Amino acid sequence: MEDHANPRSGGATSAYRGVRKRKWGKWVSEIRDPGTKTRIWLGTFETPEMAATAYDAAALHFRGHEARLNFPELASSLPRPASSGAQDVRLAAQEAALRLKAGLERDGTSSSHRVRLSPSQIQAINESPLDSPKMSMELADALTLEERTYFSKHTDMTRWEEVPDDSLWDS
């Protein structure tokens, strides 16, 4: 994602729709109400992804399936405002951003360090038993070079010889 200087605000624009960065580093989001052409302030957020998700919740409410979303894959899980009032739209937008943040924290990932899988890898995961060789190969292919290097440096395969061969069930 690129930031571009915004000469009017002194901040930066974002690659995400409805999102810009303030001079002091916070990300903000707003949307135009299509009925009145006024702007609805959606909030200030820690990350551009949170701000973009907030925008998506509001855009989906106002424009329905015609909305151009930042994250169309999340459309079905976005919260819906109780009404078209600015406060209800803002609350739903902020809830969407908080859900995204909570999901990333729960998964232990950040938006900048996710492993992305191709459609064929996702299909292989969904169609293959968990212990299949094909599954292992698809997951190995998904690891970045950096992750492969980390695992190879931090996994001592010679120590397998030291693992006892006794079964827990032989007693």
Protein backbone atom coordinates (compact mmCIF):
# COMPACT_ATOMS: atom_id res chain seq x y z
CA MET A 1 0.00 0.00 0.00
CA GLU A 2 1.27 3.48 -0.87
CA ASP A 3 0.78 6.74 0.95
CA HIS A 4 0.64 9.95 -1.07
CA ALA A 5 0.91 13.44 0.40
CA ASN A 6 -2.38 15.28 0.57
CA PRO A 7 -1.62 19.00 0.19
CA ARG A 8 -4.95 20.14 1.72
CA SER A 9 -4.69 18.27 5.03
CA GLY A 10 -0.95 17.77 5.30
CA GLY A 11 -1.65 14.07 5.79
CA ALA A 12 -1.49 11.22 3.31
CA THR A 13 -4.08 9.48 1.20
CA SER A 14 -4.37 5.73 1.25
CA ALA A 15 -4.72 2.97 -1.30
CA TYR A 16 -8.03 2.18 0.43
CA ARG A 17 -11.29 3.92 -0.45
CA GLY A 18 -12.58 6.35 2.16
CA VAL A 19 -9.31 6.34 4.15
CA ARG A 20 -6.57 8.89 4.74
CA LYS A 21 -3.69 9.32 7.17
CA ARG A 22 -3.40 12.28 9.53
CA LYS A 23 -0.08 14.12 9.97
CA TRP A 24 0.38 12.48 13.36
CA GLY A 25 0.01 8.97 12.02
CA LYS A 26 -3.59 7.99 12.79
CA TRP A 27 -5.87 6.70 10.05
CA VAL A 28 -9.31 8.23 9.53
CA SER A 29 -12.34 7.22 7.53
CA GLU A 30 -15.44 9.01 6.30
CA ILE A 31 -18.12 8.48 3.68
CA ARG A 32 -20.58 10.68 1.83
CA ASP A 33 -24.24 10.11 2.59
CA PRO A 34 -25.67 9.65 -0.91
CA GLY A 35 -29.02 11.19 0.06
CA THR A 36 -27.67 14.48 1.41
CA LYS A 37 -24.12 14.59 0.00
CA THR A 38 -22.84 15.38 3.50
CA ARG A 39 -19.92 13.49 4.97
CA ILE A 40 -20.36 11.06 7.83
CA TRP A 41 -17.31 10.82 10.06
CA LEU A 42 -16.65 7.13 10.72
CA GLY A 43 -13.74 7.51 13.12
CA THR A 44 -10.02 7.47 13.78
CA PHE A 45 -8.25 4.11 13.65
CA GLU A 46 -4.89 2.52 14.42
CA THR A 47 -4.39 0.93 11.00
CA PRO A 48 -5.47 1.67 7.45
CA GLU A 49 -7.13 -1.76 7.29
CA MET A 50 -9.35 -0.94 10.28
CA ALA A 51 -10.34 2.37 8.67
CA ALA A 52 -11.00 0.61 5.35
CA THR A 53 -13.21 -1.98 7.04
CA ALA A 54 -15.17 0.81 8.73
CA TYR A 55 -15.69 2.44 5.33
CA ASP A 56 -16.82 -0.89 3.87
CA ALA A 57 -19.55 -1.32 6.52
CA ALA A 58 -20.92 2.15 5.74
CA ALA A 59 -20.58 1.77 1.95
CA LEU A 60 -22.40 -1.56 1.99
CA HIS A 61 -25.25 0.02 3.96
CA PHE A 62 -25.65 2.99 1.62
CA ARG A 63 -24.89 1.36 -1.73
CA GLY A 64 -25.74 -2.30 -1.19
CA HIS A 65 -24.17 -4.84 -3.53
CA GLU A 66 -23.19 -2.00 -5.89
CA ALA A 67 -20.69 -0.71 -3.31
CA ARG A 68 -17.02 -0.74 -4.25
CA LEU A 69 -15.49 -2.28 -1.14
CA ASN A 70 -11.92 -2.45 0.07
CA PHE A 71 -12.44 -6.01 1.30
CA PRO A 72 -15.35 -7.54 -0.66
CA GLU A 73 -14.62 -10.96 0.87
CA LEU A 74 -15.77 -9.60 4.26
CA ALA A 75 -19.10 -8.19 3.02
CA SER A 76 -21.29 -10.92 4.50
CA SER A 77 -19.71 -10.58 7.94
CA LEU A 78 -19.87 -6.79 8.27
CA PRO A 79 -22.20 -5.34 10.92
CA ARG A 80 -25.28 -3.50 9.65
CA PRO A 81 -26.37 -0.12 11.03
CA ALA A 82 -29.76 0.04 12.76
CA SER A 83 -30.69 3.03 10.56
CA SER A 84 -29.19 5.45 8.04
CA GLY A 85 -28.59 8.01 10.78
CA ALA A 86 -25.00 9.18 11.11
CA GLN A 87 -24.65 7.80 14.66
CA ASP A 88 -25.91 4.32 13.70
CA VAL A 89 -23.68 4.20 10.61
CA ARG A 90 -20.68 5.33 12.69
CA LEU A 91 -21.34 2.68 15.36
CA ALA A 92 -21.58 -0.13 12.78
CA ALA A 93 -18.41 1.13 11.06
CA GLN A 94 -16.49 1.23 14.33
CA GLU A 95 -17.75 -2.24 15.25
CA ALA A 96 -16.48 -3.55 11.90
CA ALA A 97 -13.03 -2.08 12.59
CA LEU A 98 -12.94 -3.54 16.10
CA ARG A 99 -13.97 -6.98 14.80
CA LEU A 100 -11.09 -6.85 12.31
CA LYS A 101 -8.65 -5.87 15.05
CA ALA A 102 -9.93 -8.59 17.39
CA GLY A 103 -9.66 -11.21 14.63
CA LEU A 104 -6.07 -10.25 13.87
CA GLU A 105 -5.13 -10.29 17.55
CA ARG A 106 -6.85 -13.64 18.10
CA ASP A 107 -5.09 -15.14 15.09
CA GLY A 108 -1.77 -13.69 16.23
CA THR A 109 -1.24 -12.02 12.86
CA SER A 110 -0.83 -8.49 11.76
CA SER A 111 -2.17 -7.18 8.52
CA SER A 112 1.37 -6.75 7.21
CA HIS A 113 2.52 -10.34 7.95
CA ARG A 114 -0.13 -12.71 6.67
CA VAL A 115 0.46 -15.87 4.72
CA ARG A 116 -1.64 -15.62 1.60
CA LEU A 117 -2.87 -18.82 -0.04
CA SER A 118 -3.76 -19.23 -3.67
CA PRO A 119 -7.21 -20.55 -4.62
CA SER A 120 -5.66 -23.93 -5.51
CA GLN A 121 -4.00 -24.14 -2.08
CA ILE A 122 -7.28 -23.33 -0.34
CA GLN A 123 -9.06 -25.98 -2.45
CA ALA A 124 -6.37 -28.54 -1.56
CA ILE A 125 -6.78 -27.76 2.14
CA ASN A 126 -10.54 -28.11 1.95
CA GLU A 127 -10.49 -31.33 -0.09
CA SER A 128 -7.57 -33.21 1.45
CA PRO A 129 -7.35 -35.05 4.74
CA LEU A 130 -5.17 -33.19 7.23
CA ASP A 131 -2.43 -35.79 7.16
CA SER A 132 -2.15 -36.21 3.39
CA PRO A 133 1.13 -35.63 1.53
CA LYS A 134 -0.65 -33.27 -0.87
CA MET A 135 -1.80 -31.16 2.08
CA SER A 136 1.73 -30.98 3.47
CA MET A 137 3.14 -29.94 0.10
CA GLU A 138 0.52 -27.21 -0.39
CA LEU A 139 1.18 -25.80 3.08
CA ALA A 140 4.94 -25.92 2.55
CA ASP A 141 4.53 -23.99 -0.69
CA ALA A 142 2.55 -21.32 1.19
CA LEU A 143 5.44 -20.54 3.52
CA THR A 144 7.53 -17.61 2.48
CA LEU A 145 11.28 -17.98 2.06
CA GLU A 146 11.72 -16.00 5.27
CA GLU A 147 9.51 -18.41 7.21
CA ARG A 148 11.24 -21.46 5.72
CA THR A 149 14.62 -20.03 6.74
CA TYR A 150 13.36 -19.37 10.27
CA PHE A 151 12.04 -22.91 10.70
CA SER A 152 15.16 -24.52 9.27
CA LYS A 153 17.39 -22.51 11.62
CA HIS A 154 15.25 -23.10 14.71
CA THR A 155 14.41 -26.77 14.27
CA ASP A 156 17.12 -29.24 15.22
CA MET A 157 16.29 -32.42 13.33
CA THR A 158 19.25 -34.29 14.85
CA ARG A 159 17.49 -34.29 18.22
CA TRP A 160 14.84 -36.71 16.91
CA GLU A 161 17.27 -39.51 17.67
CA GLU A 162 17.03 -38.59 21.37
CA VAL A 163 13.24 -38.97 21.53
CA PRO A 164 12.31 -42.22 23.33
CA ASP A 165 10.57 -44.81 21.19
CA ASP A 166 8.30 -45.96 24.02
CA SER A 167 4.58 -45.63 23.55
CA LEU A 168 2.43 -44.12 26.28
CA TRP A 169 0.08 -47.07 25.87
CA ASP A 170 2.67 -49.84 26.50
CA SER A 171 2.32 -49.78 30.31
